[in-house]
Amino acid sequence: MSSVTPLLSRKVSLSAAVLVAMLGLAGCNKTPPAEETTSEEVATETPTVTEGEAAAAATEGETVTIYSSRNEQLIKPLLDQFTSETGIKVDLVTDSTGPLMARLEAEGANTPADMLLTVDAGNLWQAAQKGLLQPVASEVLESNVPAKYRDPAGLWTGLSLRARTIFYDPSKVQASDLSTYADLADPKWKGKLCLRTSKKVYNQSLVASMIEHLGAEKTEEIVRGWVANLATDVFSDDTKMLEAIASGQCEVGIANSYYYGRLLDEKPDFPVKLFWANQGTTGAHVNVSGAGVVANSDNPDGALKLMEWLSSDKAQGLYASADKEFPVKEGIDESDLLRSWGEFKADDINVQKFGELQTDAIQLMDKAGYK
């Protein structure tokens, strides 16, 4: 079961109203429910309404509007499948997370948005802190998504996992030379390390997790070591950083695994290897992409239905095969590519911490000279 508390009146489609009226008349005439009536029992030529047809009629004309920072090409196949199965249409509006949150703030009660779909628990936490999301109660989400990947108050839920780990040039580095994120601060990597900018939330969340595990003082020491070991300026995105390793600009770096997977799709012989970090300690850093129901949604029930569907077995399998992300639901079969990277120990930290410690992480990286 699932429930939400809408802040505005809900949209009711004409077809749904007609269906309710038809069922009401049927009740007055003491006619058994359509799904319980066989063709032999029907005395008239009135066609039987199947359960699927009733569901389609109830959702005909219903639309869920999503503000999404996810790549449309990656998320649209899942949304199209949802529409095909439920009859609920999806209106997708895409932009970066910051502008989308600013838009929600500016629109207030007049927003057309029903759901915010974005990446990184830090972004989801920030949206919740700004009052942009409303709490939901869903037995489906509680069953499908482990608590460490959900907001404790039900303001948002993770829908897929992305691991941020170490990548290396196998022509220059042996896997046995690698161990932890902290080890990349060792002087042996001087002039050999590449990193993405600290301005990206992915690195902010990684550093936040290190603060939680190691404390601020030790984490600052590590980040200073990273900066001292840089082979070149920081990169604007993970793909460029991985390509820098491939081209010989550096030998090691940190990136999200799905960027690597997409590069392998384009270049199966891409000369970079993945190494699972921190396997002897806390486990590799994992984060989420996720969603929340917008506070001023006109269709919070539809938004919640979509969130629940995205946590289903079918959608979780699509995340793994199409998006190169790990399923957030346990027991889902991963794609051949993800399995080829081997099993790994993931950090068991509650991703809520990435948001709570985000400001501390940003200030620490700035103090350490990490641009």
Protein backbone atom coordinates (compact mmCIF):
# COMPACT_ATOMS: atom_id res chain seq x y z
CA MET A 1 0.00 0.00 0.00
CA SER A 2 1.09 3.57 -0.54
CA SER A 3 -0.15 6.98 0.39
CA VAL A 4 0.72 10.63 0.02
CA THR A 5 -0.71 13.82 1.46
CA PRO A 6 -1.20 16.26 -1.42
CA LEU A 7 -0.85 19.99 -0.77
CA LEU A 8 -3.22 20.98 -3.58
CA SER A 9 -6.40 19.46 -5.00
CA ARG A 10 -5.77 16.41 -7.15
CA LYS A 11 -6.43 16.15 -10.86
CA VAL A 12 -9.30 13.82 -11.76
CA SER A 13 -9.58 12.73 -15.37
CA LEU A 14 -12.90 12.77 -17.15
CA SER A 15 -12.57 9.13 -18.10
CA ALA A 16 -11.98 8.14 -14.48
CA ALA A 17 -15.09 10.03 -13.43
CA VAL A 18 -17.13 8.31 -16.14
CA LEU A 19 -15.82 4.94 -15.02
CA VAL A 20 -16.77 5.63 -11.40
CA ALA A 21 -20.26 6.65 -12.51
CA MET A 22 -20.63 3.45 -14.56
CA LEU A 23 -19.54 1.31 -11.62
CA GLY A 24 -21.92 3.20 -9.34
CA LEU A 25 -24.86 2.46 -11.66
CA ALA A 26 -23.79 -1.14 -11.84
CA GLY A 27 -23.84 -1.29 -8.05
CA CYS A 28 -27.37 0.08 -7.93
CA ASN A 29 -28.54 -2.65 -10.33
CA LYS A 30 -26.90 -5.31 -8.14
CA THR A 31 -24.73 -6.43 -11.08
CA PRO A 32 -21.65 -8.42 -9.96
CA PRO A 33 -18.23 -6.75 -10.60
CA ALA A 34 -17.13 -7.18 -14.21
CA GLU A 35 -14.05 -9.24 -13.37
CA GLU A 36 -16.21 -11.73 -11.48
CA THR A 37 -18.83 -12.15 -14.26
CA THR A 38 -18.49 -14.82 -16.96
CA SER A 39 -19.90 -14.46 -20.48
CA GLU A 40 -22.47 -17.19 -19.75
CA GLU A 41 -23.86 -15.18 -16.82
CA VAL A 42 -24.40 -11.99 -18.84
CA ALA A 43 -27.96 -11.74 -20.13
CA THR A 44 -27.39 -8.65 -22.26
CA GLU A 45 -24.89 -7.77 -25.00
CA THR A 46 -23.02 -5.33 -22.71
CA PRO A 47 -19.30 -6.21 -23.01
CA THR A 48 -17.41 -7.33 -19.92
CA VAL A 49 -14.91 -4.80 -18.53
CA THR A 50 -11.67 -6.59 -17.70
CA GLU A 51 -9.43 -5.56 -14.83
CA GLY A 52 -6.79 -4.31 -17.26
CA GLU A 53 -9.33 -2.27 -19.22
CA ALA A 54 -10.68 -0.77 -16.01
CA ALA A 55 -7.16 0.25 -14.96
CA ALA A 56 -6.49 1.78 -18.38
CA ALA A 57 -9.77 3.70 -18.26
CA ALA A 58 -8.99 4.96 -14.76
CA THR A 59 -5.62 6.36 -15.85
CA GLU A 60 -6.59 7.60 -19.31
CA GLY A 61 -5.53 11.21 -19.58
CA GLU A 62 -3.50 11.10 -16.35
CA THR A 63 -0.04 12.67 -16.61
CA VAL A 64 2.97 12.77 -14.30
CA THR A 65 5.28 15.71 -14.94
CA ILE A 66 8.92 15.05 -14.05
CA TYR A 67 11.67 17.61 -13.53
CA SER A 68 14.73 15.50 -14.28
CA SER A 69 18.49 16.07 -14.31
CA ARG A 70 19.00 12.60 -15.75
CA ASN A 71 20.05 12.13 -19.37
CA GLU A 72 16.80 11.86 -21.35
CA GLN A 73 18.22 9.17 -23.60
CA LEU A 74 18.91 6.97 -20.57
CA ILE A 75 15.70 7.45 -18.60
CA LYS A 76 13.10 7.72 -21.38
CA PRO A 77 13.00 3.97 -22.22
CA LEU A 78 12.00 3.25 -18.62
CA LEU A 79 9.33 5.97 -18.65
CA ASP A 80 7.93 4.73 -21.97
CA GLN A 81 7.65 1.24 -20.49
CA PHE A 82 5.81 2.65 -17.46
CA THR A 83 3.31 4.42 -19.72
CA SER A 84 2.82 1.27 -21.77
CA GLU A 85 2.03 -0.79 -18.68
CA THR A 86 -0.09 1.72 -16.73
CA GLY A 87 -1.59 4.13 -19.26
CA ILE A 88 -0.17 7.05 -17.24
CA LYS A 89 1.58 9.54 -19.48
CA VAL A 90 4.88 11.16 -18.53
CA ASP A 91 5.85 14.74 -19.35
CA LEU A 92 9.65 15.01 -19.00
CA VAL A 93 11.37 18.36 -18.38
CA THR A 94 15.18 18.10 -18.26
CA ASP A 95 17.88 20.44 -16.94
CA SER A 96 20.72 20.43 -14.41
CA THR A 97 19.74 19.84 -10.79
CA GLY A 98 20.50 23.39 -9.60
CA PRO A 99 18.31 25.16 -12.17
CA LEU A 100 15.51 22.64 -11.62
CA MET A 101 15.47 23.27 -7.87
CA ALA A 102 15.57 27.02 -8.47
CA ARG A 103 12.63 26.63 -10.84
CA LEU A 104 10.64 24.69 -8.26
CA GLU A 105 11.32 27.39 -5.68
CA ALA A 106 10.25 30.16 -8.08
CA GLU A 107 7.10 28.35 -9.22
CA GLY A 108 5.94 27.49 -5.72
CA ALA A 109 2.30 26.39 -5.62
CA ASN A 110 1.98 26.97 -9.37
CA THR A 111 4.54 24.36 -10.40
CA PRO A 112 3.39 21.77 -12.95
CA ALA A 113 5.96 19.30 -11.58
CA ASP A 114 4.93 16.14 -9.75
CA MET A 115 8.32 14.46 -9.31
CA LEU A 116 11.96 15.53 -9.01
CA LEU A 117 14.29 12.91 -10.50
CA THR A 118 17.98 13.54 -9.95
CA VAL A 119 21.37 12.04 -9.12
CA ASP A 120 23.31 11.85 -5.86
CA ALA A 121 21.90 11.69 -2.35
CA GLY A 122 23.46 15.10 -1.69
CA ASN A 123 21.15 16.69 -4.27
CA LEU A 124 18.09 14.85 -2.96
CA TRP A 125 18.92 15.87 0.60
CA GLN A 126 19.30 19.48 -0.48
CA ALA A 127 15.91 19.44 -2.25
CA ALA A 128 14.32 18.08 0.92
CA GLN A 129 15.98 20.77 3.04
CA LYS A 130 14.58 23.45 0.75
CA GLY A 131 11.06 22.13 1.32
CA LEU A 132 10.65 21.09 -2.32
CA LEU A 133 9.53 17.52 -1.57
CA GLN A 134 6.66 16.00 0.40
CA PRO A 135 6.78 12.84 2.53
CA VAL A 136 5.24 9.63 1.24
CA ALA A 137 4.50 6.31 2.91
CA SER A 138 4.93 3.30 0.65
CA GLU A 139 5.14 -0.35 1.63
CA VAL A 140 6.39 -1.04 -1.91
CA LEU A 141 9.37 1.31 -1.58
CA GLU A 142 10.10 0.11 1.94
CA SER A 143 10.19 -3.47 0.64
CA ASN A 144 12.19 -2.79 -2.54
CA VAL A 145 14.69 -0.16 -1.37
CA PRO A 146 16.98 -0.74 1.64
CA ALA A 147 16.60 1.90 4.36
CA LYS A 148 20.17 3.16 3.88
CA TYR A 149 19.17 4.34 0.39
CA ARG A 150 16.00 6.19 1.47
CA ASP A 151 15.23 9.38 3.37
CA PRO A 152 14.14 8.48 6.93
CA ALA A 153 11.15 10.85 6.66
CA GLY A 154 10.05 9.46 3.27
CA LEU A 155 10.95 12.62 1.35
CA TRP A 156 12.97 10.77 -1.32
CA THR A 157 14.15 7.33 -2.32
CA GLY A 158 17.11 5.95 -4.19
CA LEU A 159 16.25 4.13 -7.44
CA SER A 160 19.65 2.96 -8.69
CA LEU A 161 23.20 2.68 -7.34
CA ARG A 162 26.35 4.16 -8.81
CA ALA A 163 29.76 3.13 -7.52
CA ARG A 164 32.61 5.67 -7.43
CA THR A 165 35.91 3.83 -7.50
CA ILE A 166 39.48 3.76 -8.83
CA PHE A 167 40.50 3.37 -12.50
CA TYR A 168 43.99 2.77 -13.83
CA ASP A 169 46.22 2.28 -16.87
CA PRO A 170 47.13 -1.44 -16.83
CA SER A 171 50.21 -0.83 -18.96
CA LYS A 172 51.73 1.22 -16.14
CA VAL A 173 49.94 0.12 -12.96
CA GLN A 174 49.29 -3.30 -11.46
CA ALA A 175 46.07 -3.96 -9.56
CA SER A 176 48.25 -5.06 -6.64
CA ASP A 177 49.61 -1.48 -6.47
CA LEU A 178 46.15 -0.16 -5.60
CA SER A 179 44.14 -0.28 -2.38
CA THR A 180 42.16 2.71 -1.08
CA TYR A 181 41.10 6.24 -1.95
CA ALA A 182 43.40 7.41 0.83
CA ASP A 183 46.38 5.59 -0.71
CA LEU A 184 46.11 7.85 -3.78
CA ALA A 185 47.47 10.61 -1.52
CA ASP A 186 50.75 8.71 -1.10
CA PRO A 187 53.76 10.43 -2.74
CA LYS A 188 54.30 7.34 -4.92
CA TRP A 189 51.43 8.67 -7.08
CA LYS A 190 52.93 12.15 -7.50
CA GLY A 191 52.33 13.40 -11.05
CA LYS A 192 50.22 10.32 -11.83
CA LEU A 193 46.73 11.15 -10.49
CA CYS A 194 43.76 12.61 -12.38
CA LEU A 195 40.58 13.88 -10.70
CA ARG A 196 37.28 15.47 -11.63
CA THR A 197 36.58 18.93 -10.19
CA SER A 198 35.54 19.24 -6.55
CA LYS A 199 32.63 21.39 -7.72
CA LYS A 200 30.74 18.24 -8.76
CA VAL A 201 28.49 16.72 -6.11
CA TYR A 202 29.87 13.21 -6.75
CA ASN A 203 33.24 14.17 -5.26
CA GLN A 204 31.57 16.16 -2.50
CA SER A 205 29.69 13.03 -1.45
CA LEU A 206 32.84 10.88 -1.62
CA VAL A 207 34.68 13.31 0.64
CA ALA A 208 31.64 13.51 2.95
CA SER A 209 31.78 9.73 3.36
CA MET A 210 35.49 9.98 4.21
CA ILE A 211 34.75 12.63 6.84
CA GLU A 212 32.18 10.28 8.38
CA HIS A 213 34.62 7.36 8.45
CA LEU A 214 37.96 9.04 9.09
CA GLY A 215 37.19 12.43 10.61
CA ALA A 216 37.78 15.88 9.12
CA GLU A 217 41.48 16.17 10.03
CA LYS A 218 42.53 12.90 8.39
CA THR A 219 40.31 13.54 5.36
CA GLU A 220 41.85 16.98 4.81
CA GLU A 221 45.30 15.41 4.91
CA ILE A 222 44.23 12.91 2.23
CA VAL A 223 42.68 15.56 -0.02
CA ARG A 224 45.85 17.67 0.23
CA GLY A 225 47.80 14.61 -0.86
CA TRP A 226 45.50 14.17 -3.86
CA VAL A 227 46.11 17.76 -4.91
CA ALA A 228 49.86 17.34 -4.53
CA ASN A 229 49.78 14.23 -6.75
CA LEU A 230 47.76 15.69 -9.64
CA ALA A 231 49.26 15.14 -13.09
CA THR A 232 47.21 17.94 -14.64
CA ASP A 233 44.32 20.30 -13.92
CA VAL A 234 41.07 18.76 -12.70
CA PHE A 235 38.54 17.70 -15.32
CA SER A 236 34.97 18.87 -15.86
CA ASP A 237 33.55 15.34 -16.06
CA ASP A 238 34.41 11.69 -15.45
CA THR A 239 34.49 10.74 -19.13
CA LYS A 240 37.25 13.25 -19.88
CA MET A 241 39.15 12.07 -16.83
CA LEU A 242 38.97 8.43 -17.95
CA GLU A 243 40.07 9.41 -21.47
CA ALA A 244 43.04 11.22 -19.91
CA ILE A 245 44.14 7.94 -18.30
CA ALA A 246 43.72 6.18 -21.65
CA SER A 247 45.83 8.81 -23.44
CA GLY A 248 48.67 8.61 -20.94
CA GLN A 249 48.17 11.97 -19.20
CA CYS A 250 47.91 10.14 -15.89
CA GLU A 251 47.93 6.60 -14.53
CA VAL A 252 45.13 6.51 -11.94
CA GLY A 253 41.91 8.37 -11.17
CA ILE A 254 38.49 8.21 -9.51
CA ALA A 255 35.23 7.99 -11.43
CA ASN A 256 31.69 6.59 -11.39
CA SER A 257 31.60 3.12 -12.88
CA TYR A 258 28.71 3.76 -15.30
CA TYR A 259 30.78 6.33 -17.22
CA TYR A 260 33.32 3.58 -17.76
CA GLY A 261 30.57 1.20 -18.88
CA ARG A 262 29.29 3.65 -21.48
CA LEU A 263 32.82 4.16 -22.82
CA LEU A 264 33.19 0.39 -23.17
CA ASP A 265 29.97 0.31 -25.19
CA GLU A 266 31.57 2.72 -27.67
CA LYS A 267 35.13 1.37 -27.43
CA PRO A 268 35.25 -2.28 -26.26
CA ASP A 269 39.05 -2.14 -26.22
CA PHE A 270 39.22 1.03 -24.10
CA PRO A 271 42.63 0.67 -22.39
CA VAL A 272 41.59 1.44 -18.81
CA LYS A 273 40.74 -0.99 -15.99
CA LEU A 274 38.48 -0.76 -12.94
CA PHE A 275 39.65 -1.43 -9.38
CA TRP A 276 37.25 -1.75 -6.46
CA ALA A 277 38.54 0.57 -3.73
CA ASN A 278 38.61 0.02 0.04
CA GLN A 279 37.80 -3.69 -0.10
CA GLY A 280 39.82 -4.32 3.05
CA THR A 281 38.24 -1.43 4.93
CA THR A 282 34.90 0.37 4.52
CA GLY A 283 34.07 -0.82 0.99
CA ALA A 284 33.75 1.08 -2.28
CA HIS A 285 31.80 4.33 -2.19
CA VAL A 286 28.27 3.97 -3.57
CA ASN A 287 25.67 6.67 -4.16
CA VAL A 288 22.17 6.77 -5.63
CA SER A 289 20.08 8.31 -8.33
CA GLY A 290 16.62 8.84 -6.95
CA ALA A 291 13.38 10.77 -6.80
CA GLY A 292 10.89 12.50 -4.56
CA VAL A 293 7.31 13.72 -4.91
CA VAL A 294 7.22 17.50 -5.38
CA ALA A 295 5.66 19.35 -2.45
CA ASN A 296 3.14 21.21 -4.61
CA SER A 297 2.32 18.34 -6.97
CA ASP A 298 -1.19 18.17 -8.43
CA ASN A 299 -0.77 14.43 -8.98
CA PRO A 300 1.21 13.01 -6.04
CA ASP A 301 -0.46 9.60 -6.34
CA GLY A 302 0.69 9.27 -9.96
CA ALA A 303 4.20 10.34 -9.01
CA LEU A 304 4.32 7.74 -6.26
CA LYS A 305 3.06 5.04 -8.62
CA LEU A 306 5.95 5.88 -10.94
CA MET A 307 8.50 5.81 -8.11
CA GLU A 308 7.20 2.42 -7.01
CA TRP A 309 7.32 1.11 -10.57
CA LEU A 310 10.92 2.30 -10.97
CA SER A 311 11.80 0.18 -7.92
CA SER A 312 10.20 -2.94 -9.48
CA ASP A 313 12.13 -5.95 -10.76
CA LYS A 314 11.61 -5.01 -14.41
CA ALA A 315 12.73 -1.38 -14.04
CA GLN A 316 15.69 -2.34 -11.85
CA GLY A 317 16.85 -4.75 -14.54
CA LEU A 318 16.62 -1.96 -17.13
CA TYR A 319 18.76 0.32 -14.96
CA ALA A 320 21.46 -2.36 -14.99
CA SER A 321 21.34 -3.21 -18.69
CA ALA A 322 20.65 0.19 -20.25
CA ASP A 323 22.15 2.68 -17.80
CA LYS A 324 25.12 0.61 -16.52
CA GLU A 325 24.02 1.36 -12.95
CA PHE A 326 23.58 -1.17 -10.18
CA PRO A 327 20.06 -2.10 -9.03
CA VAL A 328 19.06 -0.58 -5.71
CA LYS A 329 16.80 -3.58 -5.07
CA GLU A 330 18.60 -6.65 -3.82
CA GLY A 331 18.47 -9.91 -5.78
CA ILE A 332 18.11 -8.34 -9.26
CA ASP A 333 20.17 -9.97 -11.99
CA GLU A 334 22.86 -7.57 -13.16
CA SER A 335 23.95 -7.15 -16.77
CA ASP A 336 26.83 -9.18 -18.19
CA LEU A 337 28.99 -6.05 -18.22
CA LEU A 338 28.41 -5.27 -14.55
CA ARG A 339 29.08 -8.89 -13.61
CA SER A 340 32.35 -8.80 -15.56
CA TRP A 341 33.69 -6.21 -13.09
CA GLY A 342 33.45 -8.76 -10.29
CA GLU A 343 31.67 -8.74 -6.96
CA PHE A 344 32.68 -6.05 -4.53
CA LYS A 345 32.07 -4.86 -1.00
CA ALA A 346 30.07 -1.62 -0.95
CA ASP A 347 30.26 0.98 1.80
CA ASP A 348 27.37 0.39 4.20
CA ILE A 349 27.01 4.07 5.14
CA ASN A 350 23.54 5.63 5.05
CA VAL A 351 23.63 7.94 2.01
CA GLN A 352 21.72 10.57 4.02
CA LYS A 353 25.14 11.43 5.49
CA PHE A 354 26.33 12.76 2.12
CA GLY A 355 23.81 15.58 2.38
CA GLU A 356 24.32 16.23 6.07
CA LEU A 357 28.10 16.57 5.59
CA GLN A 358 27.99 18.25 2.17
CA THR A 359 28.85 21.75 3.43
CA ASP A 360 31.71 20.37 5.55
CA ALA A 361 33.07 18.50 2.53
CA ILE A 362 32.92 21.56 0.26
CA GLN A 363 34.69 23.74 2.84
CA LEU A 364 37.35 21.07 3.46
CA MET A 365 38.13 20.63 -0.25
CA ASP A 366 38.38 24.38 -0.71
CA LYS A 367 40.73 24.66 2.28
CA ALA A 368 42.89 21.84 0.88
CA GLY A 369 43.22 23.57 -2.50
CA TYR A 370 41.11 21.04 -4.42
CA LYS A 371 39.51 23.12 -7.20
